[in-house]
Amino acid sequence: MTQPDTWYVAFGPDKPVKTNDNATGTVRSTRTFKSEVDAKLFAMQILAKGWSASAGTLNPHQPKQVISASQIEKWADPRVNA
């Protein structure tokens, strides 16, 4: 049996994106990961693109963790936590 995904990273560009009908909107996507390390590595790639991201644990994983966009760089960067 494989280990379930326990982490997610939600991400997208900071600037609104134009759609075909000339409306603007924010395009956000989410990826899930089996480990916190994998989620952190992906978040660092997203931040390197200049995009925003947030992260956290998926239900029913305990303890519940939510990392806001304002906290994600500190959470994801191993140099900050060293």
C-alpha atoms as a PDB file:
ATOM      1  CA  MET A   1       0.000   0.000   0.000  1.00  0.00           C
ATOM      2  CA  THR A   2       1.369   3.415  -0.914  1.00  0.00           C
ATOM      3  CA  GLN A   3       1.630   6.309   1.485  1.00  0.00           C
ATOM      4  CA  PRO A   4      -1.131   8.890   0.934  1.00  0.00           C
ATOM      5  CA  ASP A   5      -0.338  12.487   0.046  1.00  0.00           C
ATOM      6  CA  THR A   6      -0.280  14.565   3.215  1.00  0.00           C
ATOM      7  CA  TRP A   7       0.898  18.007   2.001  1.00  0.00           C
ATOM      8  CA  TYR A   8      -0.338  20.478  -0.597  1.00  0.00           C
ATOM      9  CA  VAL A   9       1.117  23.580  -2.219  1.00  0.00           C
ATOM     10  CA  ALA A  10      -1.296  26.061  -3.817  1.00  0.00           C
ATOM     11  CA  PHE A  11       0.401  28.401  -6.264  1.00  0.00           C
ATOM     12  CA  GLY A  12      -0.036  30.868  -9.077  1.00  0.00           C
ATOM     13  CA  PRO A  13       1.266  34.086 -10.595  1.00  0.00           C
ATOM     14  CA  ASP A  14       0.980  37.245  -8.515  1.00  0.00           C
ATOM     15  CA  LYS A  15      -0.457  39.219 -11.412  1.00  0.00           C
ATOM     16  CA  PRO A  16      -3.962  38.598 -12.758  1.00  0.00           C
ATOM     17  CA  VAL A  17      -4.054  36.645 -16.005  1.00  0.00           C
ATOM     18  CA  LYS A  18      -6.166  37.715 -19.003  1.00  0.00           C
ATOM     19  CA  THR A  19      -8.631  35.103 -20.201  1.00  0.00           C
ATOM     20  CA  ASN A  20     -10.116  34.696 -23.701  1.00  0.00           C
ATOM     21  CA  ASP A  21     -13.170  36.794 -22.877  1.00  0.00           C
ATOM     22  CA  ASN A  22     -10.977  39.763 -21.823  1.00  0.00           C
ATOM     23  CA  ALA A  23     -11.826  39.253 -18.166  1.00  0.00           C
ATOM     24  CA  THR A  24      -8.970  39.015 -15.717  1.00  0.00           C
ATOM     25  CA  GLY A  25      -8.670  36.454 -13.005  1.00  0.00           C
ATOM     26  CA  THR A  26      -6.159  34.742 -10.814  1.00  0.00           C
ATOM     27  CA  VAL A  27      -5.105  31.312 -11.997  1.00  0.00           C
ATOM     28  CA  ARG A  28      -4.142  29.118  -9.061  1.00  0.00           C
ATOM     29  CA  SER A  29      -3.237  25.479  -9.047  1.00  0.00           C
ATOM     30  CA  THR A  30      -2.591  22.933  -6.328  1.00  0.00           C
ATOM     31  CA  ARG A  31      -0.206  19.982  -6.161  1.00  0.00           C
ATOM     32  CA  THR A  32      -0.089  17.355  -3.448  1.00  0.00           C
ATOM     33  CA  PHE A  33       2.943  15.613  -1.972  1.00  0.00           C
ATOM     34  CA  LYS A  34       3.729  12.612   0.200  1.00  0.00           C
ATOM     35  CA  SER A  35       6.293  14.459   2.328  1.00  0.00           C
ATOM     36  CA  GLU A  36       6.921  17.909   3.740  1.00  0.00           C
ATOM     37  CA  VAL A  37      10.390  17.916   2.149  1.00  0.00           C
ATOM     38  CA  ASP A  38       8.924  17.402  -1.332  1.00  0.00           C
ATOM     39  CA  ALA A  39       6.371  20.165  -0.724  1.00  0.00           C
ATOM     40  CA  LYS A  40       9.123  22.536   0.411  1.00  0.00           C
ATOM     41  CA  LEU A  41      11.276  21.796  -2.645  1.00  0.00           C
ATOM     42  CA  PHE A  42       8.355  22.476  -4.960  1.00  0.00           C
ATOM     43  CA  ALA A  43       7.437  25.671  -3.089  1.00  0.00           C
ATOM     44  CA  MET A  44      10.994  26.962  -3.534  1.00  0.00           C
ATOM     45  CA  GLN A  45      10.713  26.371  -7.307  1.00  0.00           C
ATOM     46  CA  ILE A  46       7.447  28.331  -7.384  1.00  0.00           C
ATOM     47  CA  LEU A  47       8.914  31.198  -5.362  1.00  0.00           C
ATOM     48  CA  ALA A  48      11.942  31.297  -7.700  1.00  0.00           C
ATOM     49  CA  LYS A  49       9.514  31.986 -10.572  1.00  0.00           C
ATOM     50  CA  GLY A  50       8.270  35.029  -8.679  1.00  0.00           C
ATOM     51  CA  TRP A  51       4.880  33.436  -8.030  1.00  0.00           C
ATOM     52  CA  SER A  52       3.026  33.278  -4.739  1.00  0.00           C
ATOM     53  CA  ALA A  53       2.276  30.092  -2.851  1.00  0.00           C
ATOM     54  CA  SER A  54       0.738  28.741   0.312  1.00  0.00           C
ATOM     55  CA  ALA A  55       0.910  25.243   1.757  1.00  0.00           C
ATOM     56  CA  GLY A  56      -0.422  22.947   4.409  1.00  0.00           C
ATOM     57  CA  THR A  57      -1.432  19.463   5.405  1.00  0.00           C
ATOM     58  CA  LEU A  58      -4.373  17.629   3.889  1.00  0.00           C
ATOM     59  CA  ASN A  59      -7.223  16.290   5.996  1.00  0.00           C
ATOM     60  CA  PRO A  60      -7.255  14.032   7.971  1.00  0.00           C
ATOM     61  CA  HIS A  61      -3.504  14.463   8.628  1.00  0.00           C
ATOM     62  CA  GLN A  62      -2.783  15.610  12.167  1.00  0.00           C
ATOM     63  CA  PRO A  63      -1.498  17.941  13.406  1.00  0.00           C
ATOM     64  CA  LYS A  64      -3.073  20.323  10.910  1.00  0.00           C
ATOM     65  CA  GLN A  65      -0.591  22.847   9.515  1.00  0.00           C
ATOM     66  CA  VAL A  66      -1.284  25.877   7.338  1.00  0.00           C
ATOM     67  CA  ILE A  67       1.522  27.950   5.869  1.00  0.00           C
ATOM     68  CA  SER A  68       0.344  31.290   4.518  1.00  0.00           C
ATOM     69  CA  ALA A  69       1.897  33.129   1.587  1.00  0.00           C
ATOM     70  CA  SER A  70       3.602  35.503   4.017  1.00  0.00           C
ATOM     71  CA  GLN A  71       5.245  32.572   5.876  1.00  0.00           C
ATOM     72  CA  ILE A  72       6.089  30.228   3.017  1.00  0.00           C
ATOM     73  CA  GLU A  73       9.572  31.494   2.186  1.00  0.00           C
ATOM     74  CA  LYS A  74      10.726  31.027   5.778  1.00  0.00           C
ATOM     75  CA  TRP A  75       9.068  27.573   5.922  1.00  0.00           C
ATOM     76  CA  ALA A  76      10.469  26.332   2.599  1.00  0.00           C
ATOM     77  CA  ASP A  77      14.007  27.739   2.616  1.00  0.00           C
ATOM     78  CA  PRO A  78      16.441  25.487   4.541  1.00  0.00           C
ATOM     79  CA  ARG A  79      18.897  28.378   4.936  1.00  0.00           C
ATOM     80  CA  VAL A  80      16.330  30.400   6.892  1.00  0.00           C
ATOM     81  CA  ASN A  81      15.617  27.579   9.356  1.00  0.00           C
ATOM     82  CA  ALA A  82      19.247  26.542   9.826  1.00  0.00           C
END
